[in-house]
Each structure stands twice: as structure tokens, then as C-alpha cells.
Amino acid sequence: MNPQELRFIDLFAGAGGWSVGFELAGYKHEQMYDFNASACETAKYNFGTIVQCVDLVRHTELKFPAIDLLVGSPPCQGFSNEGKKDPNDPRNSLVWSYLDIVDLLSPYFWVFENVLGFKRSYKGRYYTELAKRLDASGYKWRDFILDAADYGVPQHRKRFVILACKDFTPTLPIPTHSEHPSLNGKLPFVPLWDAISDLPTPKLGDRVGTFEYHEPPKNAYQEFMRRNSTKIFNHTAQKHSERVLEKIKHVPIGGNMASIVDRFEENNVKYEGGYRRAEKNRPSYTAYWTRGMTSIHPEQHRFLTPRECARIQSFPDSFRFLGATIENYTQICNAVPPLLSYAIAKSISEQIAEFQNPSAMRAGGRG
């Protein structure tokens, strides 16, 4: 098996965060699958005819291509802190559909991603059942908690990830960034302002969101985001009511829902994700879309645009999102950050190469 020619498919692919990263790492992209119509339209625009808009519950009716590797993120709403955590949420069963497809295709290597709460939700029931099934599968596997900021993504986004292989027990991708960059030669975290400061100021209520670049990139991250892009798309700002604007203005840098609880009669409960204004010189809060909100812009009195969320997620500007603005937010914020995907993909190919030829890898080192 040549690690440089690994074939992969993407299950529960959404807009394609996994796919962007694995393509960037040089993998051969065979197919991607999702059930959401708007996400499929976005994926088709960016990836072409390899997109299948299907219900993977009915996977036995599908014909899959031959592959070496499988990646996927079954829906996380039943395990998320932002959701209702309903043990009977039918989407929870898609975890087993994912593993059924693993059994069906028997890939050499596979990757599973979900929210941080997956391991402990419902008193660990799903994780316990999953671990039993994996231990009986013959795969060598490990689970990790990965923070996207450790891999050059300008946000703290912790996720539960399983890596599994037929021949060896995988290790986690080596972090490349740190809050303390002098340690082990790591790069500094990418702060929020490095990600979005070159984007123009949108007009509230703008439904088009298309802009020219008005200034050159200010840093390496912005240069990377602009590769192969001639314009800015999806930079649409919501038209906030006066009531919402008043709330936003009460939230200082680093503030959150606590800044408006008890000030407004309709906001008497603090919940994670509500009315957060991130600091400019640190990685952003996790990119999210819930209750009609994203994080608040650090300088302007408005919520972040889809394009700003895409920058925070590490989607390049050349990647366009189709559908309504609310659908764009969902597609972006539900995705695996492409740079995290890339780090995992690169690590997998290096681990496979090292297993196949350990003496050569030790001589050359792992970059």
C-alpha cells in the first residue's frame, strides 16, 4: 500500500471539512455521502460529481467504491451540550450505521469524529457499547480528545476522535501549535484577529455578501485562506433588531451571556454559546450556530458572518457555501476544521509509511 495513493470516502460529510483536509494531504477522493440537501449542494459545487445525497441508514442498498480509508462524523446533536441530549434521538443510532459501513467495507484505516460529550453522554452507554464492538472487530484503535487550535486552526474546538487500523495502534497527530510556542519548536496559536482582520466590514442585512479584497493579506494564515480565490463570498451580516443590537453592545471583549442576564427580561438563563464576544489576540471560541447566534465580532456590534466563521474553521475563501444564510452557518459550524483534518490525514500517511518501512522513517524523521 502506497501511503501517497490512499483512497478514501467521507461519510456524513456535510459541506466537506474532512474532504478538504484529506484532499490537501494528497489522498484520492472517491466519494462523499450526506443526507442534508443544502449541504449536498455545497459539496457538489466544491467537489463535483463524487457527492451522493443519500440516507446512510439505508447503506445496504448502496454500492461503495473500493477504498483504503474511511472518515466520518455521524450527527452529534444527541451528544452535544448545545442540544437536548435525548437518548431516544434517532440520529444517535447513526453511530452504528457508521460502524456497519466499516464492517461492510473493511477499510485498512478509519477515522470517527464526534463532540466532546460523546464519551460521557448517557452515563457512557454509547461509548461502552462502541468499545465492546471495536474490541471484537479486530481493529487496533485508540480514542483521543483533540483541540483544533493545536493544529493551526484559529479556535479552541475540542472533539472526540477515534483512529483505527488493521495492522498497528494509531497515535494522535503531533500538535504543531501551542500557547507557549517555544516549547518543542511549536508555532504560536493562530489568534482570531489573524483569521478575520483583512475582511471588509459588511452592511447589516446584506443578502449578497460578495466583496473584493481591499487590502493585501496581513499574515501567513490570511495568505493561506486566500489561495486560489479572487473574491470574498458568504460575507453576509444579519439584520439585527434594535433589541438584539442593544444586547450585543452590552457584551464586552471576553464577555458572554452573563453580561446580559438580568438586564433583559427574556434572558434570565445563562447558557454556553450565548452572546460571546471573543478576544482578538487569542484563538476564537468554538465556531457554532445555535439559537440564531454565532459569536460576536470583537470590534463591531454584530454576530460573525458565515465567511468569518469559515475563516475560523479554516475553510479557504475559494470554498463557497450554497443555500440560505442560516444553512451556510449550519454547514460551516458543523464541519470538521479542514486544517485539523489535514493534520490527521498527514499523520495517518506517515504512520502507515513508518509501519511499512520503519528504518527509513527513523532515518528521515517524521515531519
Protein backbone atom coordinates (compact mmCIF):
# COMPACT_ATOMS: atom_id res chain seq x y z
CA MET A 1 0.00 0.00 0.00
CA ASN A 2 1.46 3.32 -1.08
CA PRO A 3 0.62 5.97 1.55
CA GLN A 4 0.71 8.59 -1.19
CA GLU A 5 -2.14 6.90 -3.09
CA LEU A 6 -4.62 6.18 -0.32
CA ARG A 7 -8.26 6.18 -1.44
CA PHE A 8 -10.90 7.49 0.94
CA ILE A 9 -14.60 8.17 1.30
CA ASP A 10 -16.31 10.67 3.61
CA LEU A 11 -19.48 9.59 5.48
CA PHE A 12 -21.95 12.09 6.97
CA ALA A 13 -19.77 14.54 5.09
CA GLY A 14 -21.80 17.74 5.41
CA ALA A 15 -20.19 20.52 3.41
CA GLY A 16 -16.87 18.65 3.35
CA GLY A 17 -14.44 19.67 6.10
CA TRP A 18 -12.90 16.19 6.24
CA SER A 19 -12.69 16.09 2.46
CA VAL A 20 -10.88 19.43 2.12
CA GLY A 21 -8.19 18.32 4.55
CA PHE A 22 -7.66 14.84 3.11
CA GLU A 23 -7.50 16.20 -0.43
CA LEU A 24 -4.94 18.77 0.73
CA ALA A 25 -2.87 15.91 2.17
CA GLY A 26 -2.86 14.18 -1.23
CA TYR A 27 -5.40 11.39 -0.71
CA LYS A 28 -7.51 10.15 -3.62
CA HIS A 29 -11.09 11.22 -3.00
CA GLU A 30 -13.51 8.52 -4.15
CA GLN A 31 -16.91 9.55 -2.76
CA MET A 32 -18.73 11.58 -0.11
CA TYR A 33 -22.18 10.98 1.36
CA ASP A 34 -24.69 13.11 3.25
CA PHE A 35 -28.46 13.35 3.68
CA ASN A 36 -28.88 17.12 4.06
CA ALA A 37 -29.92 18.69 0.75
CA SER A 38 -28.28 22.10 1.26
CA ALA A 39 -25.01 20.57 2.48
CA CYS A 40 -25.02 18.29 -0.59
CA GLU A 41 -25.46 21.27 -2.91
CA THR A 42 -22.50 22.99 -1.31
CA ALA A 43 -20.43 19.82 -1.54
CA LYS A 44 -21.36 19.31 -5.20
CA TYR A 45 -20.34 22.87 -6.02
CA ASN A 46 -16.92 22.35 -4.42
CA PHE A 47 -16.22 18.66 -5.11
CA GLY A 48 -18.32 17.78 -8.16
CA THR A 49 -19.96 14.50 -9.07
CA ILE A 50 -18.47 12.38 -6.27
CA VAL A 51 -21.19 13.66 -3.89
CA GLN A 52 -24.06 11.30 -3.07
CA CYS A 53 -27.09 12.80 -1.29
CA VAL A 54 -28.41 9.66 0.41
CA ASP A 55 -29.62 8.33 3.75
CA LEU A 56 -26.83 6.17 5.17
CA VAL A 57 -29.32 4.29 7.33
CA ARG A 58 -30.06 2.52 4.06
CA HIS A 59 -26.38 1.76 3.41
CA THR A 60 -27.07 -1.84 2.42
CA GLU A 61 -28.74 -0.51 -0.73
CA LEU A 62 -25.67 1.49 -1.78
CA LYS A 63 -22.68 0.47 -3.85
CA PHE A 64 -19.48 1.82 -2.33
CA PRO A 65 -16.16 2.14 -4.15
CA ALA A 66 -13.07 0.21 -3.12
CA ILE A 67 -11.18 2.24 -0.51
CA ASP A 68 -8.22 2.17 1.87
CA LEU A 69 -9.55 4.66 4.38
CA LEU A 70 -12.90 5.87 5.68
CA VAL A 71 -13.63 9.09 7.59
CA GLY A 72 -16.87 10.31 9.03
CA SER A 73 -18.74 12.34 11.62
CA PRO A 74 -22.16 10.87 12.47
CA PRO A 75 -24.60 13.58 13.63
CA CYS A 76 -23.70 14.86 17.08
CA GLN A 77 -26.87 16.63 18.24
CA GLY A 78 -27.81 13.85 20.64
CA PHE A 79 -24.44 14.17 22.41
CA SER A 80 -23.85 17.92 22.25
CA ASN A 81 -24.03 20.32 25.18
CA GLU A 82 -25.97 22.67 22.87
CA GLY A 83 -28.60 20.01 22.14
CA LYS A 84 -31.33 18.38 24.21
CA LYS A 85 -29.30 15.20 24.79
CA ASP A 86 -32.26 12.98 24.05
CA PRO A 87 -31.28 9.31 24.49
CA ASN A 88 -34.01 8.42 22.00
CA ASP A 89 -32.86 10.87 19.33
CA PRO A 90 -32.90 8.71 16.17
CA ARG A 91 -29.72 10.41 14.97
CA ASN A 92 -27.81 8.71 17.80
CA SER A 93 -28.23 5.37 16.00
CA LEU A 94 -26.22 6.70 13.05
CA VAL A 95 -23.11 5.87 15.08
CA TRP A 96 -23.99 2.21 14.47
CA SER A 97 -24.68 2.87 10.79
CA TYR A 98 -21.14 4.23 10.54
CA LEU A 99 -19.70 1.09 12.14
CA ASP A 100 -21.90 -1.12 9.95
CA ILE A 101 -20.31 0.52 6.91
CA VAL A 102 -16.87 -0.06 8.43
CA ASP A 103 -17.77 -3.75 8.73
CA LEU A 104 -19.10 -3.80 5.18
CA LEU A 105 -16.11 -2.12 3.52
CA SER A 106 -13.34 -3.31 5.84
CA PRO A 107 -11.05 -0.31 5.22
CA TYR A 108 -7.41 -0.53 6.24
CA PHE A 109 -7.77 2.58 8.39
CA TRP A 110 -10.75 4.61 9.58
CA VAL A 111 -11.45 7.82 11.49
CA PHE A 112 -14.52 8.69 13.60
CA GLU A 113 -15.27 12.16 15.00
CA ASN A 114 -17.92 13.46 17.36
CA VAL A 115 -18.44 16.10 20.03
CA LEU A 116 -16.55 16.12 23.30
CA GLY A 117 -19.58 14.79 25.17
CA PHE A 118 -19.80 11.56 23.16
CA LYS A 119 -17.70 9.56 25.62
CA ARG A 120 -19.61 10.55 28.74
CA SER A 121 -23.16 11.15 27.44
CA TYR A 122 -25.93 8.89 28.78
CA LYS A 123 -23.55 7.64 31.51
CA GLY A 124 -21.11 6.44 28.85
CA ARG A 125 -23.56 3.94 27.39
CA TYR A 126 -22.77 4.63 23.74
CA TYR A 127 -19.03 4.68 24.31
CA THR A 128 -19.13 1.41 26.26
CA GLU A 129 -21.11 -0.31 23.53
CA LEU A 130 -18.84 1.13 20.86
CA ALA A 131 -15.68 -0.01 22.69
CA LYS A 132 -17.02 -3.57 23.01
CA ARG A 133 -17.80 -3.66 19.32
CA LEU A 134 -14.40 -2.32 18.35
CA ASP A 135 -12.53 -4.70 20.65
CA ALA A 136 -14.29 -7.58 18.87
CA SER A 137 -13.69 -6.16 15.38
CA GLY A 138 -10.01 -6.99 15.02
CA TYR A 139 -9.06 -3.35 14.56
CA LYS A 140 -6.38 -1.78 16.72
CA TRP A 141 -7.80 1.52 17.93
CA ARG A 142 -7.45 4.44 20.28
CA ASP A 143 -9.62 7.43 21.09
CA PHE A 144 -8.37 10.95 21.68
CA ILE A 145 -9.59 14.41 22.59
CA LEU A 146 -8.10 16.80 20.04
CA ASP A 147 -8.19 20.61 20.17
CA ALA A 148 -8.19 22.17 16.70
CA ALA A 149 -6.11 25.11 17.99
CA ASP A 150 -3.19 22.70 18.48
CA TYR A 151 -3.10 22.20 14.71
CA GLY A 152 -3.21 25.78 13.44
CA VAL A 153 -6.97 26.36 13.49
CA PRO A 154 -7.82 29.79 14.98
CA GLN A 155 -10.32 28.45 17.52
CA HIS A 156 -10.41 26.20 20.53
CA ARG A 157 -12.56 23.31 19.37
CA LYS A 158 -12.22 20.06 21.30
CA ARG A 159 -13.54 16.92 19.67
CA PHE A 160 -13.65 13.19 20.36
CA VAL A 161 -11.75 11.25 17.68
CA ILE A 162 -11.17 7.52 17.14
CA LEU A 163 -8.35 6.28 14.92
CA ALA A 164 -8.38 2.59 13.96
CA CYS A 165 -6.10 0.44 11.82
CA LYS A 166 -5.81 -3.24 10.92
CA ASP A 167 -2.05 -3.52 11.50
CA PHE A 168 -0.99 -1.13 14.28
CA THR A 169 -2.39 1.01 17.08
CA PRO A 170 -2.56 4.58 15.80
CA THR A 171 -1.12 7.54 17.66
CA LEU A 172 -2.53 11.04 17.75
CA PRO A 173 -1.24 13.63 15.26
CA ILE A 174 1.62 15.58 16.83
CA PRO A 175 0.43 19.11 17.75
CA THR A 176 2.07 21.85 15.72
CA HIS A 177 0.87 24.92 17.67
CA SER A 178 0.85 25.93 21.31
CA GLU A 179 0.05 28.77 23.66
CA HIS A 180 3.76 28.58 24.56
CA PRO A 181 5.43 28.35 21.14
CA SER A 182 8.97 27.99 22.48
CA LEU A 183 8.15 24.50 23.72
CA ASN A 184 9.37 21.78 21.35
CA GLY A 185 9.57 24.21 18.43
CA LYS A 186 5.80 24.59 18.13
CA LEU A 187 4.25 27.57 16.40
CA PRO A 188 2.07 30.01 18.35
CA PHE A 189 -1.69 29.57 18.34
CA VAL A 190 -3.39 31.41 15.48
CA PRO A 191 -5.50 34.17 17.09
CA LEU A 192 -8.94 35.23 15.95
CA TRP A 193 -7.75 38.56 14.59
CA ASP A 194 -5.15 36.89 12.36
CA ALA A 195 -8.01 34.94 10.80
CA ILE A 196 -10.50 37.73 10.02
CA SER A 197 -8.90 41.19 10.26
CA ASP A 198 -8.46 41.57 6.48
CA LEU A 199 -12.16 41.03 5.72
CA PRO A 200 -14.17 44.17 4.86
CA THR A 201 -16.94 45.49 7.10
CA PRO A 202 -20.28 44.12 5.87
CA LYS A 203 -23.55 46.02 5.95
CA LEU A 204 -26.15 44.65 8.34
CA GLY A 205 -28.85 42.85 6.39
CA ASP A 206 -26.73 42.38 3.26
CA ARG A 207 -28.01 39.25 1.50
CA VAL A 208 -25.28 39.09 -1.14
CA GLY A 209 -22.05 39.09 0.85
CA THR A 210 -19.68 39.33 -2.12
CA PHE A 211 -16.64 41.60 -1.79
CA GLU A 212 -13.34 42.39 -3.45
CA TYR A 213 -10.13 42.11 -1.46
CA HIS A 214 -9.43 45.71 -0.45
CA GLU A 215 -6.02 45.14 1.12
CA PRO A 216 -3.21 42.58 0.97
CA PRO A 217 -3.08 39.71 3.46
CA LYS A 218 -1.52 40.67 6.79
CA ASN A 219 -0.13 37.29 7.84
CA ALA A 220 0.56 33.75 6.68
CA TYR A 221 -2.86 32.47 7.72
CA GLN A 222 -4.67 35.05 5.58
CA GLU A 223 -2.37 34.23 2.66
CA PHE A 224 -3.30 30.58 3.03
CA MET A 225 -7.02 31.35 3.22
CA ARG A 226 -6.84 33.42 0.01
CA ARG A 227 -5.11 30.80 -2.14
CA ASN A 228 -6.89 30.35 -5.48
CA SER A 229 -9.52 32.94 -4.51
CA THR A 230 -10.23 36.21 -6.32
CA LYS A 231 -13.21 37.40 -4.26
CA ILE A 232 -14.83 37.06 -0.86
CA PHE A 233 -18.17 35.21 -0.74
CA ASN A 234 -20.70 34.38 2.01
CA HIS A 235 -19.77 37.52 3.98
CA THR A 236 -23.41 38.25 4.84
CA ALA A 237 -24.26 40.04 8.10
CA GLN A 238 -27.60 39.51 9.80
CA LYS A 239 -30.02 42.40 10.17
CA HIS A 240 -30.29 42.61 13.93
CA SER A 241 -33.28 44.10 15.69
CA GLU A 242 -32.71 47.08 17.95
CA ARG A 243 -33.26 44.79 20.93
CA VAL A 244 -30.55 42.36 19.79
CA LEU A 245 -28.17 45.23 18.99
CA GLU A 246 -28.69 46.62 22.47
CA LYS A 247 -27.79 43.25 23.96
CA ILE A 248 -24.70 42.91 21.77
CA LYS A 249 -23.48 46.35 22.85
CA HIS A 250 -23.62 45.27 26.49
CA VAL A 251 -21.15 42.40 25.91
CA PRO A 252 -17.51 43.44 26.40
CA ILE A 253 -14.45 41.75 24.90
CA GLY A 254 -14.18 38.37 26.61
CA GLY A 255 -17.77 38.66 27.85
CA ASN A 256 -20.67 36.29 27.40
CA MET A 257 -24.28 35.66 28.32
CA ALA A 258 -23.57 36.67 31.91
CA SER A 259 -23.28 40.27 30.66
CA ILE A 260 -26.96 40.45 29.74
CA VAL A 261 -28.65 38.05 32.15
CA ASP A 262 -30.99 40.08 34.41
CA ARG A 263 -30.71 43.12 32.10
CA PHE A 264 -33.32 41.80 29.69
CA GLU A 265 -36.44 40.02 30.90
CA GLU A 266 -36.30 37.43 28.10
CA ASN A 267 -32.72 36.48 29.02
CA ASN A 268 -32.85 35.12 32.55
CA VAL A 269 -30.84 31.96 31.88
CA LYS A 270 -27.15 31.77 31.06
CA TYR A 271 -26.20 29.06 28.57
CA GLU A 272 -22.99 28.19 26.80
CA GLY A 273 -22.78 29.76 23.35
CA GLY A 274 -25.00 32.76 24.01
CA TYR A 275 -23.74 36.26 23.22
CA ARG A 276 -19.99 35.59 23.43
CA ARG A 277 -17.50 38.23 22.24
CA ALA A 278 -14.09 36.68 21.72
CA GLU A 279 -10.74 38.30 22.39
CA LYS A 280 -8.76 39.33 19.33
CA ASN A 281 -5.35 38.05 20.38
CA ARG A 282 -6.44 34.50 21.26
CA PRO A 283 -7.99 31.64 19.30
CA SER A 284 -11.73 32.10 18.92
CA TYR A 285 -14.40 30.32 20.83
CA THR A 286 -15.68 27.20 19.08
CA ALA A 287 -17.46 28.21 15.86
CA TYR A 288 -21.10 27.43 16.43
CA TRP A 289 -24.62 28.27 15.26
CA THR A 290 -27.34 27.95 17.85
CA ARG A 291 -30.49 29.84 18.70
CA GLY A 292 -29.84 32.15 15.76
CA MET A 293 -26.44 33.24 17.06
CA THR A 294 -22.75 32.95 16.39
CA SER A 295 -20.05 34.68 18.43
CA ILE A 296 -20.00 38.48 18.41
CA HIS A 297 -17.39 40.30 16.32
CA PRO A 298 -14.56 41.62 18.54
CA GLU A 299 -14.85 45.20 17.24
CA GLN A 300 -18.20 45.59 15.51
CA HIS A 301 -21.63 45.28 17.14
CA ARG A 302 -22.89 42.24 15.22
CA PHE A 303 -22.61 38.49 15.10
CA LEU A 304 -19.93 36.95 12.88
CA THR A 305 -20.72 36.37 9.21
CA PRO A 306 -20.62 32.91 7.60
CA ARG A 307 -17.31 33.81 5.93
CA GLU A 308 -15.79 34.85 9.25
CA CYS A 309 -16.96 31.55 10.73
CA ALA A 310 -15.45 29.77 7.71
CA ARG A 311 -12.12 31.53 8.31
CA ILE A 312 -12.26 30.49 11.97
CA GLN A 313 -12.96 26.92 10.83
CA SER A 314 -10.03 27.12 8.31
CA PHE A 315 -12.16 26.73 5.16
CA PRO A 316 -10.35 28.57 2.34
CA ASP A 317 -12.02 31.58 0.72
CA SER A 318 -12.26 29.61 -2.54
CA PHE A 319 -14.73 27.25 -0.82
CA ARG A 320 -18.24 28.63 -1.39
CA PHE A 321 -21.33 27.75 0.60
CA LEU A 322 -24.69 27.48 -1.18
CA GLY A 323 -28.21 27.85 0.17
CA ALA A 324 -29.74 30.31 2.63
CA THR A 325 -27.53 32.15 5.11
CA ILE A 326 -28.89 30.10 8.02
CA GLU A 327 -27.93 26.94 6.10
CA ASN A 328 -24.45 28.35 5.48
CA TYR A 329 -23.91 28.83 9.20
CA THR A 330 -25.00 25.25 9.89
CA GLN A 331 -22.80 23.79 7.13
CA ILE A 332 -19.75 25.71 8.35
CA CYS A 333 -20.12 25.30 12.09
CA ASN A 334 -20.98 21.58 11.97
CA ALA A 335 -17.89 20.76 9.91
CA VAL A 336 -14.55 19.31 10.92
CA PRO A 337 -12.00 22.14 10.52
CA PRO A 338 -10.06 21.38 7.32
CA LEU A 339 -6.67 22.09 8.94
CA LEU A 340 -7.45 19.59 11.71
CA SER A 341 -8.48 17.12 9.02
CA TYR A 342 -5.23 17.79 7.18
CA ALA A 343 -3.16 17.18 10.33
CA ILE A 344 -4.90 13.86 10.93
CA ALA A 345 -4.56 12.83 7.27
CA LYS A 346 -0.85 13.70 7.18
CA SER A 347 -0.23 11.84 10.43
CA ILE A 348 -2.04 8.73 9.15
CA SER A 349 0.03 8.53 5.96
CA GLU A 350 3.22 8.99 7.98
CA GLN A 351 2.23 6.27 10.44
CA ILE A 352 1.45 3.86 7.61
CA ALA A 353 4.78 4.64 5.94
CA GLU A 354 6.62 4.14 9.24
CA PHE A 355 4.91 0.79 9.83
CA GLN A 356 5.82 -0.38 6.34
CA ASN A 357 9.41 0.87 6.43
CA PRO A 358 10.40 1.82 9.97
CA SER A 359 14.14 2.10 9.32
CA ALA A 360 13.64 4.60 6.50
CA MET A 361 11.26 6.72 8.60
CA ARG A 362 13.65 6.75 11.55
CA ALA A 363 16.45 7.86 9.26
CA GLY A 364 14.40 10.60 7.64
CA GLY A 365 12.28 11.63 10.62
CA ARG A 366 8.57 12.42 10.70
CA GLY A 367 7.75 15.98 9.61
